[in-house]
Amino acid sequence: MTAAALSAALMVGLLALGMPDYAAGGVAALAGFALRAGAILKGWALPAYRR
């Protein structure tokens, strides 16, 4: 799952649960940033497509 997909899904889910816009946006942004930072620091990557 990419950071953008995680953030978007989390934003939609939190809004559906009734969380205020600003709080849902903050949580979603932090989660996406954390995933991206972890990928950079730990070298995580999605599997490459092979023919």
N, C-alpha and C. Protein backbone atom coordinates (compact mmCIF):
# COMPACT_ATOMS: atom_id res chain seq x y z
N MET A 1 0.85 -1.17 0.00
CA MET A 1 0.00 0.00 0.00
C MET A 1 0.90 1.24 0.00
N THR A 2 0.60 2.14 -0.87
CA THR A 2 1.42 3.35 -0.91
C THR A 2 0.97 4.33 0.16
N ALA A 3 1.81 5.29 0.44
CA ALA A 3 1.48 6.29 1.45
C ALA A 3 0.24 7.08 1.05
N ALA A 4 0.10 7.39 -0.22
CA ALA A 4 -1.07 8.15 -0.68
C ALA A 4 -2.35 7.34 -0.51
N ALA A 5 -2.30 6.06 -0.83
CA ALA A 5 -3.49 5.21 -0.68
C ALA A 5 -3.86 5.06 0.79
N LEU A 6 -2.87 4.91 1.63
CA LEU A 6 -3.13 4.81 3.07
C LEU A 6 -3.78 6.09 3.57
N SER A 7 -3.23 7.23 3.21
CA SER A 7 -3.76 8.51 3.67
C SER A 7 -5.18 8.73 3.18
N ALA A 8 -5.42 8.44 1.92
CA ALA A 8 -6.76 8.65 1.35
C ALA A 8 -7.79 7.74 2.01
N ALA A 9 -7.45 6.47 2.15
CA ALA A 9 -8.39 5.53 2.77
C ALA A 9 -8.65 5.88 4.22
N LEU A 10 -7.62 6.29 4.92
CA LEU A 10 -7.78 6.67 6.31
C LEU A 10 -8.65 7.92 6.45
N MET A 11 -8.45 8.88 5.57
CA MET A 11 -9.25 10.11 5.58
C MET A 11 -10.72 9.79 5.37
N VAL A 12 -11.02 8.99 4.36
CA VAL A 12 -12.41 8.62 4.07
C VAL A 12 -13.01 7.85 5.24
N GLY A 13 -12.26 6.91 5.78
CA GLY A 13 -12.76 6.12 6.90
C GLY A 13 -13.03 6.95 8.14
N LEU A 14 -12.12 7.84 8.46
CA LEU A 14 -12.31 8.67 9.65
C LEU A 14 -13.47 9.65 9.48
N LEU A 15 -13.63 10.20 8.29
CA LEU A 15 -14.76 11.09 8.04
C LEU A 15 -16.08 10.31 8.13
N ALA A 16 -16.08 9.08 7.64
CA ALA A 16 -17.28 8.25 7.72
C ALA A 16 -17.64 7.92 9.16
N LEU A 17 -16.64 7.87 10.02
CA LEU A 17 -16.89 7.61 11.44
C LEU A 17 -17.29 8.86 12.21
N GLY A 18 -17.29 10.00 11.52
CA GLY A 18 -17.76 11.23 12.14
C GLY A 18 -16.68 12.12 12.74
N MET A 19 -15.43 11.84 12.44
CA MET A 19 -14.34 12.68 12.97
C MET A 19 -14.35 14.03 12.24
N PRO A 20 -14.05 15.11 12.93
CA PRO A 20 -13.99 16.42 12.26
C PRO A 20 -12.94 16.44 11.14
N ASP A 21 -13.20 17.28 10.14
CA ASP A 21 -12.33 17.34 8.95
C ASP A 21 -10.86 17.57 9.32
N TYR A 22 -10.61 18.56 10.15
CA TYR A 22 -9.23 18.92 10.48
C TYR A 22 -8.51 17.79 11.20
N ALA A 23 -9.21 17.10 12.09
CA ALA A 23 -8.59 16.00 12.84
C ALA A 23 -8.32 14.81 11.92
N ALA A 24 -9.30 14.47 11.07
CA ALA A 24 -9.11 13.36 10.14
C ALA A 24 -7.97 13.66 9.17
N GLY A 25 -7.90 14.89 8.70
CA GLY A 25 -6.81 15.27 7.80
C GLY A 25 -5.45 15.18 8.47
N GLY A 26 -5.38 15.61 9.70
CA GLY A 26 -4.12 15.54 10.43
C GLY A 26 -3.66 14.11 10.67
N VAL A 27 -4.58 13.27 11.10
CA VAL A 27 -4.25 11.87 11.35
C VAL A 27 -3.83 11.18 10.05
N ALA A 28 -4.58 11.42 8.98
CA ALA A 28 -4.26 10.81 7.68
C ALA A 28 -2.91 11.28 7.17
N ALA A 29 -2.63 12.57 7.30
CA ALA A 29 -1.34 13.10 6.84
C ALA A 29 -0.19 12.52 7.65
N LEU A 30 -0.35 12.43 8.95
CA LEU A 30 0.71 11.87 9.79
C LEU A 30 0.95 10.39 9.48
N ALA A 31 -0.12 9.65 9.24
CA ALA A 31 0.03 8.23 8.91
C ALA A 31 0.76 8.06 7.57
N GLY A 32 0.39 8.86 6.58
CA GLY A 32 1.07 8.79 5.29
C GLY A 32 2.54 9.18 5.39
N PHE A 33 2.81 10.23 6.17
CA PHE A 33 4.19 10.65 6.37
C PHE A 33 4.99 9.57 7.09
N ALA A 34 4.39 8.96 8.10
CA ALA A 34 5.08 7.91 8.85
C ALA A 34 5.42 6.72 7.96
N LEU A 35 4.47 6.34 7.10
CA LEU A 35 4.74 5.22 6.18
C LEU A 35 5.85 5.58 5.22
N ARG A 36 5.81 6.79 4.66
CA ARG A 36 6.84 7.21 3.71
C ARG A 36 8.20 7.32 4.39
N ALA A 37 8.22 7.89 5.59
CA ALA A 37 9.49 8.01 6.32
C ALA A 37 10.06 6.63 6.64
N GLY A 38 9.19 5.71 7.05
CA GLY A 38 9.65 4.35 7.31
C GLY A 38 10.21 3.68 6.07
N ALA A 39 9.57 3.93 4.93
CA ALA A 39 10.05 3.36 3.67
C ALA A 39 11.43 3.90 3.31
N ILE A 40 11.63 5.19 3.55
CA ILE A 40 12.93 5.78 3.24
C ILE A 40 14.00 5.26 4.20
N LEU A 41 13.68 5.26 5.48
CA LEU A 41 14.68 4.87 6.49
C LEU A 41 14.98 3.37 6.48
N LYS A 42 13.96 2.55 6.26
CA LYS A 42 14.14 1.10 6.34
C LYS A 42 14.33 0.44 4.97
N GLY A 43 14.13 1.21 3.90
CA GLY A 43 14.31 0.65 2.56
C GLY A 43 13.13 -0.18 2.09
N TRP A 44 11.94 0.06 2.65
CA TRP A 44 10.76 -0.69 2.22
C TRP A 44 10.39 -0.27 0.80
N ALA A 45 9.93 -1.23 0.01
CA ALA A 45 9.49 -0.94 -1.35
C ALA A 45 8.47 -1.97 -1.79
N LEU A 46 7.62 -1.58 -2.71
CA LEU A 46 6.69 -2.52 -3.30
C LEU A 46 7.47 -3.43 -4.25
N PRO A 47 7.00 -4.66 -4.42
CA PRO A 47 7.70 -5.56 -5.35
C PRO A 47 7.68 -5.01 -6.77
N ALA A 48 8.77 -5.18 -7.48
CA ALA A 48 8.87 -4.71 -8.86
C ALA A 48 8.15 -5.67 -9.80
N TYR A 49 7.61 -5.12 -10.86
CA TYR A 49 6.95 -5.93 -11.88
C TYR A 49 8.00 -6.62 -12.72
N ARG A 50 7.82 -7.92 -12.95
CA ARG A 50 8.77 -8.67 -13.78
C ARG A 50 8.02 -9.32 -14.91
N ARG A 51 8.61 -9.28 -16.06
CA ARG A 51 7.98 -9.89 -17.24
C ARG A 51 8.34 -11.33 -17.36
